[in-house]
PDB file of N, CA and C in Angstrom:
ATOM      1  N   MET A   1       0.843  -1.163   0.005  1.00  0.00           N
ATOM      2  CA  MET A   1       0.003  -0.024   0.017  1.00  0.00           C
ATOM      3  C   MET A   1       0.916   1.226   0.001  1.00  0.00           C
ATOM      4  N   THR A   2       0.519   2.228  -0.765  1.00  0.00           N
ATOM      5  CA  THR A   2       1.265   3.512  -0.814  1.00  0.00           C
ATOM      6  C   THR A   2       0.734   4.455   0.282  1.00  0.00           C
ATOM      7  N   ILE A   3       1.659   5.001   1.025  1.00  0.00           N
ATOM      8  CA  ILE A   3       1.297   5.950   2.098  1.00  0.00           C
ATOM      9  C   ILE A   3       1.756   7.333   1.561  1.00  0.00           C
ATOM     10  N   ILE A   4       0.858   8.331   1.683  1.00  0.00           N
ATOM     11  CA  ILE A   4       1.171   9.644   1.141  1.00  0.00           C
ATOM     12  C   ILE A   4       1.163  10.667   2.222  1.00  0.00           C
ATOM     13  N   SER A   5       2.273  11.485   2.285  1.00  0.00           N
ATOM     14  CA  SER A   5       2.366  12.606   3.211  1.00  0.00           C
ATOM     15  C   SER A   5       1.924  13.867   2.468  1.00  0.00           C
ATOM     16  N   VAL A   6       0.952  14.581   3.021  1.00  0.00           N
ATOM     17  CA  VAL A   6       0.378  15.731   2.324  1.00  0.00           C
ATOM     18  C   VAL A   6       0.498  16.990   3.243  1.00  0.00           C
ATOM     19  N   ASN A   7       0.921  18.107   2.646  1.00  0.00           N
ATOM     20  CA  ASN A   7       0.939  19.369   3.390  1.00  0.00           C
ATOM     21  C   ASN A   7      -0.502  19.784   3.639  1.00  0.00           C
ATOM     22  N   PRO A   8      -0.926  19.914   4.886  1.00  0.00           N
ATOM     23  CA  PRO A   8      -2.328  20.242   5.168  1.00  0.00           C
ATOM     24  C   PRO A   8      -2.743  21.646   4.714  1.00  0.00           C
ATOM     25  N   ALA A   9      -1.799  22.516   4.610  1.00  0.00           N
ATOM     26  CA  ALA A   9      -2.123  23.920   4.220  1.00  0.00           C
ATOM     27  C   ALA A   9      -2.328  24.048   2.735  1.00  0.00           C
ATOM     28  N   THR A  10      -1.517  23.304   1.925  1.00  0.00           N
ATOM     29  CA  THR A  10      -1.562  23.456   0.460  1.00  0.00           C
ATOM     30  C   THR A  10      -2.090  22.233  -0.275  1.00  0.00           C
ATOM     31  N   GLU A  11      -2.215  21.132   0.449  1.00  0.00           N
ATOM     32  CA  GLU A  11      -2.632  19.842  -0.098  1.00  0.00           C
ATOM     33  C   GLU A  11      -1.609  19.264  -1.096  1.00  0.00           C
ATOM     34  N   GLU A  12      -0.408  19.844  -1.071  1.00  0.00           N
ATOM     35  CA  GLU A  12       0.694  19.357  -1.932  1.00  0.00           C
ATOM     36  C   GLU A  12       1.190  18.014  -1.391  1.00  0.00           C
ATOM     37  N   VAL A  13       1.455  17.102  -2.294  1.00  0.00           N
ATOM     38  CA  VAL A  13       1.996  15.808  -1.877  1.00  0.00           C
ATOM     39  C   VAL A  13       3.508  16.040  -1.598  1.00  0.00           C
ATOM     40  N   ILE A  14       3.896  15.739  -0.372  1.00  0.00           N
ATOM     41  CA  ILE A  14       5.294  15.918   0.058  1.00  0.00           C
ATOM     42  C   ILE A  14       6.117  14.687  -0.271  1.00  0.00           C
ATOM     43  N   TYR A  15       5.537  13.512  -0.002  1.00  0.00           N
ATOM     44  CA  TYR A  15       6.309  12.279  -0.172  1.00  0.00           C
ATOM     45  C   TYR A  15       5.359  11.103  -0.260  1.00  0.00           C
ATOM     46  N   LYS A  16       5.720  10.135  -1.089  1.00  0.00           N
ATOM     47  CA  LYS A  16       4.989   8.873  -1.163  1.00  0.00           C
ATOM     48  C   LYS A  16       5.973   7.736  -0.812  1.00  0.00           C
ATOM     49  N   PHE A  17       5.500   6.813  -0.020  1.00  0.00           N
ATOM     50  CA  PHE A  17       6.357   5.672   0.308  1.00  0.00           C
ATOM     51  C   PHE A  17       5.507   4.451   0.486  1.00  0.00           C
ATOM     52  N   GLN A  18       6.157   3.306   0.376  1.00  0.00           N
ATOM     53  CA  GLN A  18       5.481   2.039   0.499  1.00  0.00           C
ATOM     54  C   GLN A  18       5.488   1.567   1.932  1.00  0.00           C
ATOM     55  N   GLU A  19       4.404   0.959   2.329  1.00  0.00           N
ATOM     56  CA  GLU A  19       4.291   0.335   3.637  1.00  0.00           C
ATOM     57  C   GLU A  19       5.361  -0.747   3.796  1.00  0.00           C
ATOM     58  N   ASP A  20       5.967  -0.855   4.967  1.00  0.00           N
ATOM     59  CA  ASP A  20       6.948  -1.914   5.221  1.00  0.00           C
ATOM     60  C   ASP A  20       6.332  -3.287   5.122  1.00  0.00           C
ATOM     61  N   THR A  21       7.193  -4.210   4.675  1.00  0.00           N
ATOM     62  CA  THR A  21       6.766  -5.600   4.707  1.00  0.00           C
ATOM     63  C   THR A  21       6.886  -6.110   6.154  1.00  0.00           C
ATOM     64  N   GLU A  22       6.248  -7.227   6.424  1.00  0.00           N
ATOM     65  CA  GLU A  22       6.321  -7.783   7.778  1.00  0.00           C
ATOM     66  C   GLU A  22       7.798  -8.108   8.102  1.00  0.00           C
ATOM     67  N   GLU A  23       8.548  -8.632   7.121  1.00  0.00           N
ATOM     68  CA  GLU A  23       9.953  -8.975   7.330  1.00  0.00           C
ATOM     69  C   GLU A  23      10.771  -7.714   7.647  1.00  0.00           C
ATOM     70  N   SER A  24      10.557  -6.624   6.918  1.00  0.00           N
ATOM     71  CA  SER A  24      11.269  -5.415   7.110  1.00  0.00           C
ATOM     72  C   SER A  24      10.945  -4.831   8.485  1.00  0.00           C
ATOM     73  N   LEU A  25       9.670  -4.880   8.867  1.00  0.00           N
ATOM     74  CA  LEU A  25       9.247  -4.362  10.174  1.00  0.00           C
ATOM     75  C   LEU A  25       9.908  -5.176  11.316  1.00  0.00           C
ATOM     76  N   GLU A  26       9.930  -6.479  11.177  1.00  0.00           N
ATOM     77  CA  GLU A  26      10.556  -7.313  12.192  1.00  0.00           C
ATOM     78  C   GLU A  26      12.036  -6.986  12.342  1.00  0.00           C
ATOM     79  N   LYS A  27      12.724  -6.769  11.207  1.00  0.00           N
ATOM     80  CA  LYS A  27      14.145  -6.423  11.233  1.00  0.00           C
ATOM     81  C   LYS A  27      14.340  -5.102  11.929  1.00  0.00           C
ATOM     82  N   SER A  28      13.515  -4.113  11.624  1.00  0.00           N
ATOM     83  CA  SER A  28      13.610  -2.809  12.283  1.00  0.00           C
ATOM     84  C   SER A  28      13.357  -2.906  13.768  1.00  0.00           C
ATOM     85  N   LEU A  29      12.393  -3.685  14.187  1.00  0.00           N
ATOM     86  CA  LEU A  29      12.104  -3.857  15.603  1.00  0.00           C
ATOM     87  C   LEU A  29      13.262  -4.562  16.294  1.00  0.00           C
ATOM     88  N   SER A  30      13.830  -5.565  15.672  1.00  0.00           N
ATOM     89  CA  SER A  30      14.995  -6.277  16.218  1.00  0.00           C
ATOM     90  C   SER A  30      16.196  -5.350  16.365  1.00  0.00           C
ATOM     91  N   ASN A  31      16.443  -4.525  15.351  1.00  0.00           N
ATOM     92  CA  ASN A  31      17.561  -3.552  15.432  1.00  0.00           C
ATOM     93  C   ASN A  31      17.328  -2.549  16.572  1.00  0.00           C
ATOM     94  N   ALA A  32      16.057  -2.081  16.734  1.00  0.00           N
ATOM     95  CA  ALA A  32      15.756  -1.158  17.798  1.00  0.00           C
ATOM     96  C   ALA A  32      15.972  -1.795  19.177  1.00  0.00           C
ATOM     97  N   ALA A  33      15.592  -3.031  19.319  1.00  0.00           N
ATOM     98  CA  ALA A  33      15.740  -3.755  20.592  1.00  0.00           C
ATOM     99  C   ALA A  33      17.246  -3.913  20.936  1.00  0.00           C
ATOM    100  N   MET A  34      18.053  -4.235  19.928  1.00  0.00           N
ATOM    101  CA  MET A  34      19.484  -4.361  20.148  1.00  0.00           C
ATOM    102  C   MET A  34      20.103  -3.072  20.480  1.00  0.00           C
ATOM    103  N   ALA A  35      19.670  -1.981  19.848  1.00  0.00           N
ATOM    104  CA  ALA A  35      20.206  -0.609  20.157  1.00  0.00           C
ATOM    105  C   ALA A  35      19.852  -0.239  21.561  1.00  0.00           C
ATOM    106  N   PHE A  36      18.618  -0.581  21.963  1.00  0.00           N
ATOM    107  CA  PHE A  36      18.194  -0.244  23.330  1.00  0.00           C
ATOM    108  C   PHE A  36      19.049  -0.985  24.342  1.00  0.00           C
ATOM    109  N   GLU A  37      19.340  -2.260  24.109  1.00  0.00           N
ATOM    110  CA  GLU A  37      20.115  -3.020  25.050  1.00  0.00           C
ATOM    111  C   GLU A  37      21.517  -2.413  25.153  1.00  0.00           C
ATOM    112  N   ASP A  38      22.065  -1.943  24.069  1.00  0.00           N
ATOM    113  CA  ASP A  38      23.387  -1.298  24.073  1.00  0.00           C
ATOM    114  C   ASP A  38      23.306   0.013  24.836  1.00  0.00           C
ATOM    115  N   TYR A  39      22.267   0.813  24.565  1.00  0.00           N
ATOM    116  CA  TYR A  39      22.115   2.109  25.190  1.00  0.00           C
ATOM    117  C   TYR A  39      21.908   2.007  26.710  1.00  0.00           C
ATOM    118  N   ARG A  40      21.084   1.008  27.141  1.00  0.00           N
ATOM    119  CA  ARG A  40      20.828   0.898  28.571  1.00  0.00           C
ATOM    120  C   ARG A  40      22.027   0.478  29.389  1.00  0.00           C
ATOM    121  N   ALA A  41      23.027  -0.114  28.724  1.00  0.00           N
ATOM    122  CA  ALA A  41      24.247  -0.486  29.429  1.00  0.00           C
ATOM    123  C   ALA A  41      25.200   0.694  29.602  1.00  0.00           C
ATOM    124  N   LYS A  42      24.955   1.789  28.974  1.00  0.00           N
ATOM    125  CA  LYS A  42      25.823   2.953  29.055  1.00  0.00           C
ATOM    126  C   LYS A  42      25.583   3.731  30.322  1.00  0.00           C
ATOM    127  N   SER A  43      26.579   4.413  30.769  1.00  0.00           N
ATOM    128  CA  SER A  43      26.467   5.228  31.977  1.00  0.00           C
ATOM    129  C   SER A  43      25.628   6.454  31.723  1.00  0.00           C
ATOM    130  N   PHE A  44      25.150   7.093  32.775  1.00  0.00           N
ATOM    131  CA  PHE A  44      24.421   8.324  32.612  1.00  0.00           C
ATOM    132  C   PHE A  44      25.254   9.419  31.918  1.00  0.00           C
ATOM    133  N   GLU A  45      26.548   9.457  32.197  1.00  0.00           N
ATOM    134  CA  GLU A  45      27.424  10.417  31.566  1.00  0.00           C
ATOM    135  C   GLU A  45      27.481  10.194  30.033  1.00  0.00           C
ATOM    136  N   GLU A  46      27.571   8.918  29.615  1.00  0.00           N
ATOM    137  CA  GLU A  46      27.575   8.615  28.203  1.00  0.00           C
ATOM    138  C   GLU A  46      26.218   8.982  27.557  1.00  0.00           C
ATOM    139  N   ARG A  47      25.154   8.658  28.216  1.00  0.00           N
ATOM    140  CA  ARG A  47      23.836   8.991  27.691  1.00  0.00           C
ATOM    141  C   ARG A  47      23.692  10.516  27.579  1.00  0.00           C
ATOM    142  N   ALA A  48      24.159  11.236  28.555  1.00  0.00           N
ATOM    143  CA  ALA A  48      24.089  12.724  28.510  1.00  0.00           C
ATOM    144  C   ALA A  48      24.825  13.248  27.279  1.00  0.00           C
ATOM    145  N   THR A  49      25.933  12.651  26.960  1.00  0.00           N
ATOM    146  CA  THR A  49      26.688  13.070  25.759  1.00  0.00           C
ATOM    147  C   THR A  49      25.847  12.945  24.524  1.00  0.00           C
ATOM    148  N   TYR A  50      25.142  11.822  24.368  1.00  0.00           N
ATOM    149  CA  TYR A  50      24.246  11.631  23.220  1.00  0.00           C
ATOM    150  C   TYR A  50      23.118  12.686  23.194  1.00  0.00           C
ATOM    151  N   LEU A  51      22.517  12.911  24.326  1.00  0.00           N
ATOM    152  CA  LEU A  51      21.421  13.869  24.388  1.00  0.00           C
ATOM    153  C   LEU A  51      21.874  15.285  24.101  1.00  0.00           C
ATOM    154  N   LEU A  52      23.042  15.665  24.631  1.00  0.00           N
ATOM    155  CA  LEU A  52      23.589  16.999  24.383  1.00  0.00           C
ATOM    156  C   LEU A  52      23.924  17.144  22.909  1.00  0.00           C
ATOM    157  N   LYS A  53      24.413  16.106  22.241  1.00  0.00           N
ATOM    158  CA  LYS A  53      24.683  16.150  20.820  1.00  0.00           C
ATOM    159  C   LYS A  53      23.404  16.344  20.022  1.00  0.00           C
ATOM    160  N   ALA A  54      22.381  15.606  20.441  1.00  0.00           N
ATOM    161  CA  ALA A  54      21.050  15.782  19.780  1.00  0.00           C
ATOM    162  C   ALA A  54      20.525  17.172  19.919  1.00  0.00           C
ATOM    163  N   ALA A  55      20.663  17.746  21.079  1.00  0.00           N
ATOM    164  CA  ALA A  55      20.236  19.133  21.350  1.00  0.00           C
ATOM    165  C   ALA A  55      21.054  20.101  20.447  1.00  0.00           C
ATOM    166  N   GLU A  56      22.317  19.867  20.321  1.00  0.00           N
ATOM    167  CA  GLU A  56      23.182  20.692  19.473  1.00  0.00           C
ATOM    168  C   GLU A  56      22.716  20.662  18.011  1.00  0.00           C
ATOM    169  N   ILE A  57      22.421  19.460  17.523  1.00  0.00           N
ATOM    170  CA  ILE A  57      21.980  19.298  16.159  1.00  0.00           C
ATOM    171  C   ILE A  57      20.644  20.035  15.974  1.00  0.00           C
ATOM    172  N   LEU A  58      19.712  19.842  16.884  1.00  0.00           N
ATOM    173  CA  LEU A  58      18.430  20.514  16.792  1.00  0.00           C
ATOM    174  C   LEU A  58      18.636  22.074  16.763  1.00  0.00           C
ATOM    175  N   THR A  59      19.454  22.568  17.622  1.00  0.00           N
ATOM    176  CA  THR A  59      19.723  23.996  17.695  1.00  0.00           C
ATOM    177  C   THR A  59      20.369  24.533  16.404  1.00  0.00           C
ATOM    178  N   ASN A  60      21.366  23.829  15.949  1.00  0.00           N
ATOM    179  CA  ASN A  60      22.092  24.307  14.735  1.00  0.00           C
ATOM    180  C   ASN A  60      21.309  24.178  13.451  1.00  0.00           C
ATOM    181  N   GLU A  61      20.322  23.260  13.489  1.00  0.00           N
ATOM    182  CA  GLU A  61      19.562  23.031  12.204  1.00  0.00           C
ATOM    183  C   GLU A  61      18.045  23.309  12.418  1.00  0.00           C
ATOM    184  N   LYS A  62      17.744  24.209  13.337  1.00  0.00           N
ATOM    185  CA  LYS A  62      16.357  24.404  13.731  1.00  0.00           C
ATOM    186  C   LYS A  62      15.512  24.909  12.530  1.00  0.00           C
ATOM    187  N   GLU A  63      16.057  25.690  11.626  1.00  0.00           N
ATOM    188  CA  GLU A  63      15.332  26.174  10.478  1.00  0.00           C
ATOM    189  C   GLU A  63      14.923  25.019   9.548  1.00  0.00           C
ATOM    190  N   LYS A  64      15.848  24.094   9.395  1.00  0.00           N
ATOM    191  CA  LYS A  64      15.596  22.913   8.537  1.00  0.00           C
ATOM    192  C   LYS A  64      14.423  22.091   9.144  1.00  0.00           C
ATOM    193  N   PHE A  65      14.518  21.837  10.444  1.00  0.00           N
ATOM    194  CA  PHE A  65      13.477  21.009  11.097  1.00  0.00           C
ATOM    195  C   PHE A  65      12.168  21.781  11.151  1.00  0.00           C
ATOM    196  N   ALA A  66      12.227  23.076  11.379  1.00  0.00           N
ATOM    197  CA  ALA A  66      11.002  23.900  11.382  1.00  0.00           C
ATOM    198  C   ALA A  66      10.313  23.870  10.016  1.00  0.00           C
ATOM    199  N   SER A  67      11.073  23.899   8.950  1.00  0.00           N
ATOM    200  CA  SER A  67      10.517  23.829   7.624  1.00  0.00           C
ATOM    201  C   SER A  67       9.788  22.516   7.414  1.00  0.00           C
ATOM    202  N   ILE A  68      10.337  21.432   7.858  1.00  0.00           N
ATOM    203  CA  ILE A  68       9.708  20.099   7.728  1.00  0.00           C
ATOM    204  C   ILE A  68       8.422  20.126   8.540  1.00  0.00           C
ATOM    205  N   ILE A  69       8.468  20.610   9.771  1.00  0.00           N
ATOM    206  CA  ILE A  69       7.294  20.623  10.629  1.00  0.00           C
ATOM    207  C   ILE A  69       6.175  21.441   9.991  1.00  0.00           C
ATOM    208  N   THR A  70       6.565  22.587   9.461  1.00  0.00           N
ATOM    209  CA  THR A  70       5.577  23.463   8.809  1.00  0.00           C
ATOM    210  C   THR A  70       4.899  22.775   7.633  1.00  0.00           C
ATOM    211  N   SER A  71       5.703  22.114   6.783  1.00  0.00           N
ATOM    212  CA  SER A  71       5.068  21.479   5.615  1.00  0.00           C
ATOM    213  C   SER A  71       4.263  20.244   5.972  1.00  0.00           C
ATOM    214  N   GLU A  72       4.655  19.532   6.994  1.00  0.00           N
ATOM    215  CA  GLU A  72       3.955  18.273   7.356  1.00  0.00           C
ATOM    216  C   GLU A  72       2.760  18.487   8.279  1.00  0.00           C
ATOM    217  N   MET A  73       2.852  19.528   9.089  1.00  0.00           N
ATOM    218  CA  MET A  73       1.767  19.720  10.074  1.00  0.00           C
ATOM    219  C   MET A  73       0.978  20.973   9.929  1.00  0.00           C
ATOM    220  N   GLY A  74       1.416  21.853   9.050  1.00  0.00           N
ATOM    221  CA  GLY A  74       0.701  23.100   8.808  1.00  0.00           C
ATOM    222  C   GLY A  74       0.903  24.173   9.884  1.00  0.00           C
ATOM    223  N   LYS A  75       1.900  23.995  10.777  1.00  0.00           N
ATOM    224  CA  LYS A  75       2.190  25.005  11.764  1.00  0.00           C
ATOM    225  C   LYS A  75       2.858  26.190  11.103  1.00  0.00           C
ATOM    226  N   THR A  76       2.770  27.330  11.781  1.00  0.00           N
ATOM    227  CA  THR A  76       3.536  28.475  11.319  1.00  0.00           C
ATOM    228  C   THR A  76       4.980  28.198  11.522  1.00  0.00           C
ATOM    229  N   PHE A  77       5.830  28.830  10.712  1.00  0.00           N
ATOM    230  CA  PHE A  77       7.249  28.630  10.816  1.00  0.00           C
ATOM    231  C   PHE A  77       7.760  29.035  12.187  1.00  0.00           C
ATOM    232  N   GLN A  78       7.275  30.137  12.736  1.00  0.00           N
ATOM    233  CA  GLN A  78       7.683  30.595  14.076  1.00  0.00           C
ATOM    234  C   GLN A  78       7.298  29.602  15.131  1.00  0.00           C
ATOM    235  N   SER A  79       6.112  29.042  15.051  1.00  0.00           N
ATOM    236  CA  SER A  79       5.669  28.032  16.020  1.00  0.00           C
ATOM    237  C   SER A  79       6.568  26.782  15.917  1.00  0.00           C
ATOM    238  N   ALA A  80       6.919  26.428  14.710  1.00  0.00           N
ATOM    239  CA  ALA A  80       7.775  25.269  14.506  1.00  0.00           C
ATOM    240  C   ALA A  80       9.178  25.528  15.059  1.00  0.00           C
ATOM    241  N   ILE A  81       9.698  26.742  14.883  1.00  0.00           N
ATOM    242  CA  ILE A  81      11.007  27.079  15.462  1.00  0.00           C
ATOM    243  C   ILE A  81      10.962  26.913  16.981  1.00  0.00           C
ATOM    244  N   LEU A  82       9.913  27.426  17.605  1.00  0.00           N
ATOM    245  CA  LEU A  82       9.767  27.316  19.046  1.00  0.00           C
ATOM    246  C   LEU A  82       9.651  25.872  19.511  1.00  0.00           C
ATOM    247  N   GLU A  83       8.982  25.040  18.686  1.00  0.00           N
ATOM    248  CA  GLU A  83       8.883  23.598  19.014  1.00  0.00           C
ATOM    249  C   GLU A  83      10.245  22.924  18.982  1.00  0.00           C
ATOM    250  N   VAL A  84      11.070  23.257  17.970  1.00  0.00           N
ATOM    251  CA  VAL A  84      12.385  22.662  17.884  1.00  0.00           C
ATOM    252  C   VAL A  84      13.260  23.102  19.026  1.00  0.00           C
ATOM    253  N   GLU A  85      13.170  24.402  19.367  1.00  0.00           N
ATOM    254  CA  GLU A  85      13.975  24.940  20.482  1.00  0.00           C
ATOM    255  C   GLU A  85      13.577  24.274  21.786  1.00  0.00           C
ATOM    256  N   LYS A  86      12.246  24.022  21.967  1.00  0.00           N
ATOM    257  CA  LYS A  86      11.771  23.360  23.182  1.00  0.00           C
ATOM    258  C   LYS A  86      12.321  21.938  23.249  1.00  0.00           C
ATOM    259  N   CYS A  87      12.320  21.269  22.118  1.00  0.00           N
ATOM    260  CA  CYS A  87      12.856  19.883  22.112  1.00  0.00           C
ATOM    261  C   CYS A  87      14.372  19.860  22.425  1.00  0.00           C
ATOM    262  N   ALA A  88      15.071  20.876  21.940  1.00  0.00           N
ATOM    263  CA  ALA A  88      16.543  20.963  22.185  1.00  0.00           C
ATOM    264  C   ALA A  88      16.765  21.213  23.674  1.00  0.00           C
TER     265      ALA A  88
END
């Protein structure tokens, strides 16, 4: 089945993609479970490093993420910027 992402403000098709197969989904879930097991074994200091890096990426690329949020959700660009900053 084709899944379509549509800009709610303009009704423009943003992206079309195919639904995952059961095999692909199982592989993704298995990979996520293995990543979680690896992550949970890390110290809080190591985890903090990852989270701080994620916050840095969000801050440095907030306009890019805000643009995506605006096109996919119909939010104003300024609201989307604030959302990205809040996440960071």
